[in-house]
Protein backbone atom coordinates (compact mmCIF):
# COMPACT_ATOMS: atom_id res chain seq x y z
CA MET A 1 15.92 -21.08 -14.22
CA ILE A 2 16.09 -19.17 -10.95
CA SER A 3 18.85 -16.57 -10.84
CA ARG A 4 21.87 -17.08 -8.62
CA SER A 5 20.86 -14.09 -6.53
CA SER A 6 17.45 -15.62 -5.81
CA ARG A 7 19.04 -18.96 -4.93
CA ALA A 8 21.39 -17.28 -2.46
CA ALA A 9 18.62 -15.14 -1.02
CA LEU A 10 16.32 -18.08 -0.42
CA ARG A 11 19.12 -20.06 1.19
CA HIS A 12 19.51 -17.11 3.55
CA LEU A 13 15.77 -17.12 4.24
CA VAL A 14 15.48 -20.78 5.15
CA GLY A 15 19.05 -21.84 5.80
CA SER A 16 19.76 -25.27 4.34
CA THR A 17 16.14 -26.30 4.11
CA LEU A 18 15.75 -25.58 0.39
CA VAL A 19 17.31 -27.69 -2.34
CA PHE A 20 17.09 -26.36 -5.90
CA GLY A 21 16.49 -28.80 -8.73
CA LEU A 22 18.69 -28.43 -11.78
CA GLY A 23 16.04 -29.08 -14.37
CA GLY A 24 12.52 -27.94 -15.17
CA GLY A 25 12.61 -24.94 -12.85
CA ALA A 26 11.71 -27.11 -9.87
CA LEU A 27 12.27 -26.33 -6.23
CA SER A 28 12.54 -29.11 -3.69
CA CYS A 29 11.58 -28.01 -0.19
CA LYS A 30 12.37 -29.67 3.10
CA HIS A 31 11.07 -27.59 5.96
CA PRO A 32 12.42 -28.08 9.48
CA GLU A 33 9.22 -29.70 10.64
CA ASP A 34 8.42 -31.68 7.49
CA HIS A 35 9.00 -35.40 7.17
CA GLY A 36 10.18 -35.39 3.57
CA HIS A 37 10.80 -33.44 0.41
CA ARG A 38 8.35 -32.09 -2.10
CA THR A 39 9.25 -31.02 -5.60
CA VAL A 40 7.06 -28.36 -7.19
CA PRO A 41 7.28 -26.18 -10.31
CA LEU A 42 8.88 -22.78 -9.82
CA ALA A 43 8.86 -19.88 -12.25
CA SER A 44 11.70 -19.11 -14.56
CA ALA A 45 13.40 -15.85 -13.67
CA SER A 46 13.79 -14.95 -17.33
CA VAL A 47 11.04 -13.09 -19.10
CA ASP A 48 12.09 -14.67 -22.38
CA ALA A 49 12.15 -18.24 -21.11
CA PRO A 50 9.95 -20.50 -23.28
CA ALA A 51 6.78 -21.87 -21.82
CA PRO A 52 6.94 -25.53 -20.82
CA SER A 53 5.79 -27.89 -23.56
CA GLU A 54 3.85 -30.06 -21.14
CA PRO A 55 1.78 -29.23 -18.09
CA ALA A 56 3.50 -29.52 -14.73
CA PRO A 57 3.18 -32.96 -13.14
CA ALA A 58 0.51 -33.41 -10.52
CA PRO A 59 1.81 -33.17 -6.94
CA PRO A 60 2.37 -36.44 -5.09
CA PRO A 61 -0.60 -37.75 -3.15
CA GLU A 62 1.13 -37.57 0.22
CA VAL A 63 1.91 -34.08 1.55
CA ALA A 64 4.41 -33.54 4.35
CA ARG A 65 2.96 -31.82 7.39
CA HIS A 66 4.39 -29.38 9.86
CA ALA A 67 4.51 -30.72 13.40
CA ASP A 68 2.30 -27.87 14.63
CA ALA A 69 -0.50 -28.57 12.15
CA GLN A 70 -3.55 -30.00 13.90
CA GLU A 71 -5.21 -33.06 12.52
CA ALA A 72 -8.42 -32.18 10.69
CA ASP A 73 -11.37 -34.21 9.58
CA PRO A 74 -11.64 -34.88 5.84
CA VAL A 75 -12.65 -31.74 3.99
CA GLU A 76 -16.34 -31.81 3.08
CA ASP A 77 -18.09 -30.22 0.15
CA PRO A 78 -17.14 -26.52 0.49
CA GLY A 79 -20.30 -25.30 -1.17
CA PRO A 80 -20.35 -22.25 -3.45
CA PRO A 81 -17.06 -20.35 -3.88
CA VAL A 82 -16.42 -17.18 -1.91
CA PRO A 83 -15.85 -13.86 -3.69
CA ALA A 84 -12.24 -12.90 -4.45
CA ALA A 85 -11.28 -10.11 -2.07
CA GLU A 86 -8.42 -8.94 0.08
CA VAL A 87 -8.42 -9.78 3.76
CA ARG A 88 -10.19 -7.53 6.24
CA ARG A 89 -7.73 -5.78 8.56
CA THR A 90 -8.68 -4.84 12.10
CA THR A 91 -7.05 -4.12 15.45
CA LEU A 92 -8.22 -6.35 18.28
CA HIS A 93 -8.22 -4.80 21.76
CA ARG A 94 -10.07 -7.62 23.52
CA LEU A 95 -11.45 -11.01 22.50
CA ALA A 96 -15.04 -9.92 23.14
CA GLU A 97 -14.82 -7.73 20.04
CA ASP A 98 -14.96 -10.91 17.91
CA ARG A 99 -17.28 -13.44 19.53
CA ALA A 100 -16.21 -16.16 17.11
CA LEU A 101 -12.82 -16.16 18.83
CA GLY A 102 -14.30 -17.30 22.15
CA PRO A 103 -13.61 -21.01 21.54
CA HIS A 104 -10.00 -20.18 20.68
CA GLU A 105 -9.17 -18.14 23.77
CA ALA A 106 -6.95 -20.86 25.24
CA ALA A 107 -4.93 -21.21 22.01
CA LEU A 108 -4.45 -17.45 21.74
CA LYS A 109 -3.41 -17.18 25.40
CA GLU A 110 -0.95 -20.01 24.96
CA HIS A 111 0.60 -18.19 22.02
CA PHE A 112 0.47 -14.54 23.11
CA GLY A 113 0.57 -15.00 26.88
CA ASN A 114 -1.96 -14.94 29.69
CA PRO A 115 -3.23 -12.30 29.87
CA ILE A 116 -2.95 -11.57 26.17
CA SER A 117 -0.92 -8.45 25.47
CA PHE A 118 -3.30 -6.40 23.34
CA PRO A 119 -3.67 -4.86 20.82
CA LEU A 120 -3.27 -7.50 18.12
CA ALA A 121 -3.31 -6.75 14.40
CA VAL A 122 -5.71 -9.16 12.69
CA GLN A 123 -6.17 -10.11 9.04
CA SER A 124 -9.30 -12.12 8.31
CA GLY A 125 -10.50 -13.72 5.08
CA ALA A 126 -13.54 -15.82 4.17
CA LEU A 127 -13.24 -19.51 3.31
CA PRO A 128 -15.70 -21.88 1.60
CA GLY A 129 -18.60 -22.99 3.75
CA GLY A 130 -18.56 -19.92 5.98
CA GLY A 131 -15.19 -20.48 7.68
CA ARG A 132 -12.38 -18.00 8.15
CA ALA A 133 -8.61 -17.83 7.98
CA LEU A 134 -7.04 -15.36 10.41
CA LEU A 135 -3.53 -14.00 10.90
CA PHE A 136 -2.77 -12.48 14.31
CA GLN A 137 0.30 -10.31 14.86
CA ARG A 138 1.69 -8.48 17.85
CA ASP A 139 2.93 -4.90 17.66
CA GLY A 140 6.67 -4.35 17.76
CA LYS A 141 9.73 -5.89 16.16
CA ASP A 142 8.74 -9.47 17.01
CA HIS A 143 5.35 -9.87 15.34
CA ASN A 144 4.96 -13.42 16.74
CA PRO A 145 2.48 -14.36 13.98
CA PHE A 146 -0.23 -16.95 14.58
CA ILE A 147 -2.61 -18.40 11.96
CA LEU A 148 -6.01 -19.81 12.88
CA VAL A 149 -8.41 -21.47 10.45
CA HIS A 150 -11.90 -22.33 11.68
CA ASP A 151 -15.14 -23.55 10.14
CA ALA A 152 -18.56 -21.88 10.06
CA ALA A 153 -19.37 -23.29 13.51
CA GLY A 154 -16.23 -21.74 14.97
CA GLN A 155 -14.42 -25.06 15.37
CA SER A 156 -10.68 -25.00 14.73
CA LEU A 157 -9.61 -26.78 11.55
CA TRP A 158 -5.90 -26.08 11.91
CA THR A 159 -3.48 -23.58 13.40
CA LYS A 160 0.08 -22.47 12.75
CA GLU A 161 1.90 -21.36 15.88
CA ARG A 162 5.04 -20.87 13.80
CA PRO A 163 3.89 -20.01 10.27
CA LEU A 164 7.40 -18.79 9.43
CA ALA A 165 9.17 -21.86 10.84
CA GLY A 166 12.59 -22.22 9.23
CA ILE A 167 12.69 -18.60 8.04
CA VAL A 168 15.60 -16.47 9.24
CA PRO A 169 14.26 -13.83 11.72
CA GLY A 170 13.79 -10.29 10.44
CA VAL A 171 10.55 -10.54 8.46
CA SER A 172 8.68 -7.25 8.36
CA GLU A 173 5.46 -7.03 6.34
CA MET A 174 3.05 -9.96 6.03
CA VAL A 175 -0.22 -10.58 4.20
CA LEU A 176 -2.60 -13.54 4.41
CA VAL A 177 -4.29 -14.72 1.20
CA PRO A 178 -7.10 -17.30 1.61
CA THR A 179 -8.59 -18.86 -1.52
CA ALA A 180 -11.98 -20.00 -2.71
CA LYS A 181 -10.67 -23.59 -2.56
CA GLY A 182 -9.90 -23.35 1.15
CA ASP A 183 -6.11 -23.25 0.97
CA VAL A 184 -4.09 -20.38 2.42
CA LEU A 185 -0.99 -18.46 1.38
CA LEU A 186 1.16 -16.23 3.59
CA SER A 187 3.43 -13.70 1.89
CA TRP A 188 6.15 -11.72 3.66
CA TYR A 189 9.01 -9.31 3.04
CA ASP A 190 12.56 -10.19 4.07
CA PRO A 191 14.64 -6.98 4.38
CA PRO A 192 18.14 -8.58 4.34
CA THR A 193 17.55 -10.32 1.00
CA LYS A 194 15.08 -7.75 -0.39
CA ILE A 195 12.73 -10.52 -1.45
CA VAL A 196 8.97 -10.89 -1.15
CA ALA A 197 8.31 -14.60 -0.64
CA ALA A 198 5.32 -16.81 0.11
CA ARG A 199 4.40 -20.05 1.87
CA HIS A 200 1.40 -22.10 0.76
CA TRP A 201 -0.76 -24.50 2.82
CA ASP A 202 -3.59 -26.68 1.54
CA ALA A 203 -7.10 -26.78 3.02
CA ARG A 204 -6.00 -29.28 5.69
CA GLY A 205 -3.07 -27.19 6.86
CA SER A 206 -0.43 -29.28 5.13
CA ILE A 207 2.45 -27.17 3.89
CA LEU A 208 2.96 -27.28 0.15
CA VAL A 209 5.87 -25.04 -0.79
CA ASP A 210 7.75 -21.76 -0.40
CA PHE A 211 8.12 -19.40 -3.37
CA PRO A 212 10.28 -16.33 -4.04
CA LEU A 213 7.92 -13.84 -5.66
CA VAL A 214 9.60 -10.55 -6.43
CA HIS A 215 12.59 -8.35 -5.58
CA ALA A 216 11.85 -5.09 -3.76
CA ASP A 217 14.48 -2.71 -2.37
CA THR A 218 12.08 -1.66 0.37
CA CYS A 219 8.58 -2.62 1.45
CA ALA A 220 6.30 -0.61 3.72
CA ALA A 221 3.16 -2.64 3.03
CA LEU A 222 2.10 -5.87 1.34
CA SER A 223 -1.23 -6.62 -0.30
CA GLY A 224 -2.54 -9.83 -1.80
CA VAL A 225 -5.59 -11.56 -3.23
CA HIS A 226 -6.33 -14.87 -4.90
CA TRP A 227 -7.43 -14.46 -8.51
CA PRO A 228 -9.72 -17.43 -9.26
CA SER A 229 -8.44 -19.67 -12.05
CA ARG A 230 -5.27 -17.56 -12.23
CA GLY A 231 -3.31 -17.57 -8.98
CA PHE A 232 -2.04 -15.30 -6.22
CA VAL A 233 -1.58 -11.57 -6.85
CA VAL A 234 0.83 -9.87 -4.44
CA ALA A 235 1.81 -6.17 -4.42
CA ALA A 236 4.65 -4.51 -2.50
CA ALA A 237 4.57 -0.80 -1.65
CA THR A 238 8.10 0.47 -2.27
CA ALA A 239 9.96 3.70 -2.83
CA GLY A 240 9.99 4.71 -6.48
CA ALA A 241 7.53 2.34 -8.14
CA ALA A 242 5.53 -0.37 -6.42
CA ARG A 243 6.15 -3.95 -7.61
CA VAL A 244 3.40 -6.45 -8.36
CA GLN A 245 3.49 -10.17 -9.14
CA LEU A 246 1.18 -13.01 -10.15
CA LEU A 247 2.07 -16.47 -8.88
CA THR A 248 -0.03 -18.75 -11.07
CA ASP A 249 -1.84 -21.82 -9.79
CA ALA A 250 0.69 -23.84 -11.81
CA GLY A 251 3.54 -22.32 -9.78
CA THR A 252 5.03 -19.86 -12.28
CA LEU A 253 5.74 -16.14 -11.98
CA ALA A 254 3.60 -14.57 -14.70
CA PHE A 255 4.63 -10.93 -14.27
CA ALA A 256 8.15 -10.55 -15.71
CA GLY A 257 9.74 -13.27 -13.60
CA GLU A 258 11.43 -12.35 -10.33
CA ASP A 259 11.51 -8.63 -11.22
CA GLY A 260 7.73 -8.36 -11.25
CA VAL A 261 5.93 -5.45 -12.90
CA ALA A 262 6.36 -1.85 -11.74
CA LEU A 263 3.22 0.25 -11.42
CA PRO A 264 3.39 3.21 -13.84
CA TRP A 265 3.72 6.04 -11.33
CA THR A 266 5.95 7.33 -8.57
CA SER A 267 4.55 5.67 -5.49
CA ARG A 268 4.28 7.01 -2.01
CA ALA A 269 6.48 4.49 -0.22
CA ASP A 270 4.06 4.28 2.71
CA ALA A 271 0.91 3.92 0.59
CA PRO A 272 -0.51 0.37 0.44
CA ILE A 273 -1.82 -0.99 -2.85
CA SER A 274 -5.42 -2.14 -3.18
CA ILE A 275 -6.19 -4.94 -5.64
CA ALA A 276 -9.35 -5.84 -7.57
CA VAL A 277 -9.70 -8.91 -9.82
CA ASP A 278 -12.56 -9.87 -12.10
CA ALA A 279 -13.66 -13.14 -13.71
CA GLY A 280 -10.18 -14.22 -14.70
CA LYS A 281 -9.85 -11.36 -17.19
CA ALA A 282 -7.80 -8.61 -15.57
CA VAL A 283 -6.47 -7.18 -12.33
CA THR A 284 -6.61 -3.51 -11.33
CA PHE A 285 -4.22 -1.89 -8.84
CA PHE A 286 -4.93 1.30 -6.88
CA GLN A 287 -2.39 3.40 -4.95
CA ALA A 288 -1.63 6.96 -3.87
CA GLY A 289 1.14 8.39 -6.00
CA ASN A 290 2.28 10.86 -8.61
CA ALA A 291 1.82 9.97 -12.28
CA GLY A 292 4.60 12.38 -13.26
CA ALA A 293 5.53 12.44 -16.94
CA GLU A 294 2.90 9.82 -17.72
CA ARG A 295 0.15 12.23 -16.62
CA PRO A 296 1.75 15.68 -16.20
CA GLY A 297 -1.57 17.27 -15.30
CA ALA A 298 -2.28 14.87 -12.44
CA PRO A 299 -1.92 16.38 -8.97
CA PRO A 300 0.58 14.60 -6.69
CA ASP A 301 -0.65 12.11 -4.15
CA HIS A 302 -3.90 11.38 -5.92
CA LEU A 303 -5.39 7.92 -6.12
CA LEU A 304 -4.11 6.29 -9.30
CA ALA A 305 -5.10 3.04 -11.02
CA ALA A 306 -3.57 0.67 -13.57
CA ARG A 307 -5.06 -2.44 -15.15
CA PHE A 308 -3.15 -5.53 -16.36
CA ASP A 309 -3.92 -8.83 -18.00
CA ALA A 310 -2.79 -12.21 -16.67
CA ARG A 311 0.63 -11.86 -18.33
CA GLY A 312 1.37 -8.49 -16.76
CA LYS A 313 0.61 -6.46 -19.89
CA ALA A 314 -0.85 -3.00 -19.25
CA LEU A 315 -4.37 -2.66 -20.62
CA TRP A 316 -4.52 1.14 -20.29
CA ALA A 317 -2.12 3.44 -22.13
CA LYS A 318 -1.67 5.70 -19.08
CA PRO A 319 -2.36 5.59 -15.36
CA LEU A 320 -5.91 6.53 -14.48
CA VAL A 321 -6.32 9.44 -12.06
CA VAL A 322 -9.26 8.32 -9.93
CA GLY A 323 -9.48 11.32 -7.61
CA PRO A 324 -8.19 12.72 -4.32
CA VAL A 325 -6.83 10.16 -1.88
CA PRO A 326 -9.78 9.13 0.34
CA GLY A 327 -8.31 9.68 3.80
CA ALA A 328 -4.63 9.50 4.70
CA ALA A 329 -2.24 8.38 1.98
CA GLY A 330 -1.15 5.51 4.21
CA ASP A 331 -4.70 4.13 4.52
CA ARG A 332 -5.85 1.17 2.47
CA VAL A 333 -8.50 2.05 -0.10
CA VAL A 334 -11.63 -0.06 0.34
CA LEU A 335 -12.91 -1.44 -2.96
CA THR A 336 -15.95 -3.36 -4.13
CA ALA A 337 -15.08 -5.32 -7.27
CA GLY A 338 -17.61 -6.86 -9.62
CA ASN A 339 -17.03 -9.73 -12.03
CA ASP A 340 -17.87 -7.34 -14.84
CA GLY A 341 -14.65 -5.44 -14.16
CA ASN A 342 -16.28 -2.41 -12.53
CA VAL A 343 -14.67 -1.37 -9.24
CA ALA A 344 -16.60 0.84 -6.80
CA ILE A 345 -14.76 3.09 -4.35
CA PRO A 346 -17.46 4.14 -1.87
CA ARG A 347 -15.41 6.80 -0.03
CA LEU A 348 -14.89 8.65 -3.31
CA GLY A 349 -18.39 7.95 -4.59
CA VAL A 350 -17.07 6.64 -7.91
CA THR A 351 -16.80 3.51 -10.02
CA VAL A 352 -13.79 2.71 -12.19
CA THR A 353 -14.78 0.89 -15.40
CA PRO A 354 -12.75 -1.77 -17.26
CA GLY A 355 -12.22 0.73 -20.05
CA GLY A 356 -10.50 3.21 -17.76
CA SER A 357 -13.30 5.69 -17.06
CA VAL A 358 -14.30 7.16 -13.70
CA ILE A 359 -18.06 7.38 -13.18
CA SER A 360 -19.86 8.75 -10.15
CA LEU A 361 -22.00 6.26 -8.30
CA GLY A 362 -24.95 8.27 -9.61
CA GLY A 363 -23.94 7.40 -13.17
CA LYS A 364 -22.25 10.66 -14.28
CA ARG A 365 -18.92 10.30 -16.09
CA ARG A 366 -16.11 12.42 -14.65
């Protein structure tokens, strides 16, 4: 069952819009703009809780919609799946920098004002069939987030003018996580409750559910990626040790319940985590930090890596020292992940293997 602290924290996040079921670890959500309740499986907060004896029931056929969700045509064959990767992050100084945004100028002006007050922070991820999901945020305390999902032709499929509708103001970090199925998850950090949470929409923009993911005392950056056939991986950069979590496709928290798993090094609090997943086998995390007693010979503020299975079990005995931090410690490390488990880091000129070796792109082991 969900701990009392998580129940209280989520009630703070969404006021009276969440009703917790008493059995089966279910969470019934009624968002301010929904027309009814949905009951979905939610993870047990206890690491030792037994696995359910039967699979979770299929969701009801009718899904409540937010009032700001645009009607979309029936979803067509999405074609081949898109690779699993984190969103691309850019800063937009004018719409002409992204020509695909031309058809959406009116919607962006309506949301951010006319003229638009640039710059805007943009997160962009690929969707099946050549479409994109985008999160726009304004600088400053009020991020005023806006989500746009469009198809390969640039036509809007749905938008969210208030993606955090019903959430108590004060959200800091956010990350958008599109999936190969076309649905979209938004994760955020709520400083008052010290919870990383998430909201999930399907491919038509219908809201599915909110989830508490992991406790974090602080959070300077969030990262996330969808792990095909597994679920959503979210990582919070915090002081001390970064926290990571896997929200499975079945709606359970696979990494030690609401506590998540701590990366095995002393993190730089301002250093984002980069995530690589491969073929449903394992997930590898990269961050600037100090391995300390785990690797006493490792210089501080080097790029470190750790690899876990789908239950949050470490697959390497110690953190891997990849090399000097490529750029500023607060920069995100750009990765190229293969389904074979090899992860290339072009700025360092190396590949990290599934076995925990660092090999130069020329093939020489370091």
